[in-house]
Protein backbone atom coordinates (compact mmCIF):
# COMPACT_ATOMS: atom_id res chain seq x y z
CA MET A 1 14.04 13.29 -69.29
CA SER A 2 14.29 17.05 -69.48
CA ASP A 3 11.71 19.61 -68.43
CA ASP A 4 10.33 19.36 -71.95
CA GLY A 5 9.88 15.61 -71.44
CA LEU A 6 8.06 16.18 -68.17
CA ILE A 7 5.85 18.78 -69.84
CA GLY A 8 5.23 16.23 -72.61
CA LEU A 9 4.16 13.60 -70.05
CA ARG A 10 1.77 16.05 -68.43
CA ARG A 11 0.36 17.08 -71.82
CA LEU A 12 -0.11 13.41 -72.83
CA PHE A 13 -1.82 12.76 -69.51
CA VAL A 14 -4.28 15.63 -70.11
CA ASP A 15 -4.85 14.76 -73.77
CA ARG A 16 -5.45 11.05 -73.11
CA TYR A 17 -7.10 11.49 -69.71
CA GLN A 18 -10.33 9.65 -70.61
CA ASP A 19 -8.46 6.75 -72.24
CA PHE A 20 -6.25 6.29 -69.18
CA LYS A 21 -9.23 6.55 -66.86
CA GLN A 22 -11.20 3.91 -68.80
CA ARG A 23 -8.23 1.51 -68.80
CA LEU A 24 -7.77 2.04 -65.07
CA ALA A 25 -11.48 1.51 -64.41
CA ARG A 26 -11.29 -1.85 -66.21
CA GLN A 27 -8.07 -2.78 -64.41
CA LEU A 28 -9.26 -1.70 -60.94
CA GLY A 29 -12.90 -2.66 -61.35
CA SER A 30 -14.27 0.73 -60.29
CA ALA A 31 -14.75 4.01 -62.13
CA ASP A 32 -14.76 5.91 -58.83
CA VAL A 33 -11.45 4.43 -57.72
CA ALA A 34 -10.02 5.08 -61.19
CA ASP A 35 -11.09 8.72 -60.90
CA GLU A 36 -9.33 9.07 -57.54
CA VAL A 37 -6.22 7.32 -58.85
CA MET A 38 -6.13 9.62 -61.89
CA HIS A 39 -6.13 12.58 -59.53
CA ASP A 40 -3.27 11.03 -57.53
CA THR A 41 -1.38 10.36 -60.77
CA TRP A 42 -1.77 13.98 -61.87
CA LEU A 43 -0.42 15.14 -58.51
CA ARG A 44 2.60 12.88 -58.93
CA LEU A 45 3.29 14.21 -62.40
CA ALA A 46 2.70 17.81 -61.32
CA GLN A 47 5.04 17.50 -58.33
CA ALA A 48 7.81 15.67 -60.19
CA GLU A 49 10.87 17.81 -60.72
CA GLN A 50 12.48 15.45 -63.18
CA VAL A 51 12.13 11.96 -64.57
CA GLY A 52 14.68 9.63 -66.09
CA VAL A 53 14.66 8.38 -69.63
CA VAL A 54 11.16 7.32 -70.64
CA GLN A 55 10.97 4.86 -73.54
CA ASN A 56 7.16 4.75 -73.76
CA ALA A 57 5.28 7.73 -72.28
CA GLU A 58 1.87 5.97 -72.25
CA LYS A 59 3.23 2.96 -70.37
CA TYR A 60 5.06 5.28 -67.98
CA ILE A 61 1.87 7.20 -67.17
CA PHE A 62 -0.19 4.01 -66.80
CA ARG A 63 2.47 2.43 -64.55
CA THR A 64 2.49 5.62 -62.45
CA ALA A 65 -1.30 5.32 -62.13
CA LEU A 66 -1.10 1.65 -61.11
CA ASN A 67 1.53 2.51 -58.52
CA ALA A 68 -0.74 5.25 -57.20
CA ALA A 69 -3.58 2.68 -56.97
CA THR A 70 -1.34 0.27 -55.06
CA ASP A 71 -0.29 3.02 -52.66
CA ARG A 72 -3.92 4.02 -52.14
CA ARG A 73 -4.94 0.40 -51.42
CA GLN A 74 -2.13 -0.04 -48.89
CA LYS A 75 -3.02 3.24 -47.20
CA GLU A 76 -6.66 2.17 -46.92
CA LYS A 77 -5.63 -1.19 -45.44
CA ARG A 78 -3.47 0.56 -42.84
CA HIS A 79 -6.31 2.94 -42.06
CA GLN A 80 -8.77 0.04 -41.74
CA ALA A 81 -6.36 -1.83 -39.47
CA ALA A 82 -6.03 1.28 -37.30
CA LEU A 83 -9.83 1.56 -37.13
CA ASP A 84 -10.12 -2.11 -36.18
CA ILE A 85 -7.58 -1.63 -33.39
CA THR A 86 -9.37 1.50 -32.20
CA ASN A 87 -12.71 -0.31 -32.21
CA PHE A 88 -11.17 -3.19 -30.30
CA LEU A 89 -9.70 -0.87 -27.69
CA GLU A 90 -13.05 0.85 -27.25
CA LEU A 91 -14.90 -2.39 -26.42
CA PRO A 92 -16.71 -1.99 -23.15
CA ASP A 93 -15.36 -3.90 -20.19
CA GLU A 94 -18.00 -6.55 -19.60
CA ARG A 95 -16.55 -7.75 -16.34
CA PRO A 96 -18.86 -7.18 -13.39
CA THR A 97 -18.18 -4.20 -11.18
CA PRO A 98 -17.14 -4.83 -7.57
CA GLU A 99 -20.66 -3.82 -6.55
CA GLN A 100 -22.21 -6.36 -8.92
CA VAL A 101 -19.89 -9.06 -7.60
CA ALA A 102 -20.85 -8.24 -4.02
CA VAL A 103 -24.57 -8.30 -4.82
CA ALA A 104 -24.20 -11.61 -6.71
CA ARG A 105 -22.30 -13.17 -3.81
CA SER A 106 -24.90 -11.94 -1.36
CA GLU A 107 -27.74 -13.34 -3.49
CA PHE A 108 -25.90 -16.66 -3.84
CA GLU A 109 -25.52 -16.90 -0.06
CA VAL A 110 -29.25 -16.27 0.29
CA PHE A 111 -29.94 -18.96 -2.29
CA LYS A 112 -27.70 -21.45 -0.45
CA ARG A 113 -29.54 -20.71 2.80
CA PHE A 114 -32.85 -21.14 0.97
CA LEU A 115 -31.76 -24.54 -0.34
CA ALA A 116 -30.49 -25.60 3.08
CA GLY A 117 -33.87 -24.66 4.59
CA LEU A 118 -35.85 -26.91 2.23
CA SER A 119 -36.79 -30.44 3.13
CA VAL A 120 -34.61 -33.06 1.43
CA ARG A 121 -37.38 -34.14 -0.97
CA ARG A 122 -38.30 -30.54 -1.90
CA ARG A 123 -34.62 -29.64 -2.42
CA LEU A 124 -34.03 -32.68 -4.68
CA ILE A 125 -37.16 -31.92 -6.73
CA PHE A 126 -36.29 -28.23 -7.00
CA LEU A 127 -32.69 -28.89 -8.12
CA ALA A 128 -33.69 -31.61 -10.57
CA ALA A 129 -36.38 -29.45 -12.18
CA ARG A 130 -34.72 -26.04 -12.10
CA LEU A 131 -31.02 -26.77 -12.24
CA HIS A 132 -30.96 -29.92 -14.37
CA SER A 133 -34.19 -29.39 -16.37
CA VAL A 134 -35.42 -32.89 -15.65
CA PRO A 135 -39.06 -33.34 -16.75
CA TYR A 136 -41.59 -33.55 -13.92
CA GLN A 137 -42.70 -37.08 -14.81
CA GLU A 138 -39.11 -38.32 -14.74
CA ILE A 139 -38.56 -36.74 -11.32
CA ALA A 140 -41.75 -38.39 -10.10
CA ASN A 141 -40.65 -41.79 -11.44
CA ARG A 142 -37.17 -41.49 -9.87
CA MET A 143 -38.55 -40.48 -6.47
CA GLY A 144 -41.52 -42.84 -6.47
CA VAL A 145 -44.09 -40.04 -6.13
CA SER A 146 -46.82 -38.65 -8.34
CA ARG A 147 -46.29 -35.91 -10.87
CA ALA A 148 -48.84 -33.79 -8.96
CA LEU A 149 -46.69 -34.04 -5.81
CA VAL A 150 -43.62 -32.91 -7.80
CA GLN A 151 -45.59 -29.88 -9.03
CA LYS A 152 -46.87 -29.14 -5.51
CA GLU A 153 -43.33 -29.29 -4.05
CA LEU A 154 -42.09 -26.92 -6.77
CA VAL A 155 -44.90 -24.45 -6.08
CA LEU A 156 -44.07 -24.51 -2.35
CA ALA A 157 -40.33 -24.09 -3.04
CA HIS A 158 -41.03 -21.12 -5.30
CA ARG A 159 -43.26 -19.54 -2.67
CA GLU A 160 -40.50 -19.88 -0.09
CA LEU A 161 -37.91 -18.43 -2.45
CA THR A 162 -40.20 -15.53 -3.36
CA ALA A 163 -40.87 -14.81 0.31
CA ILE A 164 -37.16 -14.80 1.10
CA ARG A 165 -36.37 -12.46 -1.79
CA LYS A 166 -39.19 -10.11 -0.79
CA LYS A 167 -37.97 -10.06 2.81
CA ILE A 168 -34.42 -9.20 1.66
CA GLU A 169 -35.68 -6.44 -0.65
CA ASP A 170 -37.80 -4.99 2.15
CA GLU A 171 -34.81 -5.02 4.49
CA ARG A 172 -32.67 -3.24 1.91
CA MET A 173 -35.32 -0.60 1.33
CA HIS A 174 -35.61 0.11 5.07
CA GLN A 175 -31.87 0.38 5.68
CA PRO A 176 -30.46 3.85 6.12
CA LEU A 177 -29.02 5.21 2.88
CA ASP A 178 -25.46 5.12 4.23
CA ASN A 179 -25.72 1.37 4.89
CA ARG A 180 -27.11 0.70 1.40
CA LEU A 181 -24.20 2.57 -0.16
CA ASP A 182 -21.70 0.48 1.80
CA GLN A 183 -23.07 -2.82 0.46
């Protein structure tokens, strides 16, 4: 198509702008997207240096608009994929720090010593109730003791554990700063 044909396409686009936009809005399901696509279509027509033989100018313009819509959709998908990747890469590392691992290991060692220091009956009651969530009455039935004794043993175990934790915290607070930083 000659320069006159290209000028004719541009003129038709301007003259029938609202018709094309309404058809696009119906086709794409959004007046806003149709408006953006119409702008993209105009840019394509304005930047074109030449076009081949055009049998139907309206169909040519509408096909150009649909191609612009497809390109826009693909570009948005690529952009969204890039954002998803960026968001994934920016996820915080939830692994514990070496310091947190050291503290956890230290606390676990204290807990193991605490358990080892309990009487056998108190240790069994404590583990059944706190680790395995066994109801007090069931623990009492299994061990052949009263429910009140199970509760008493748990209170005593908790007191011992609290005392041990307090002692450790007090020791940490009274250590020289240099030693606390090394732990």
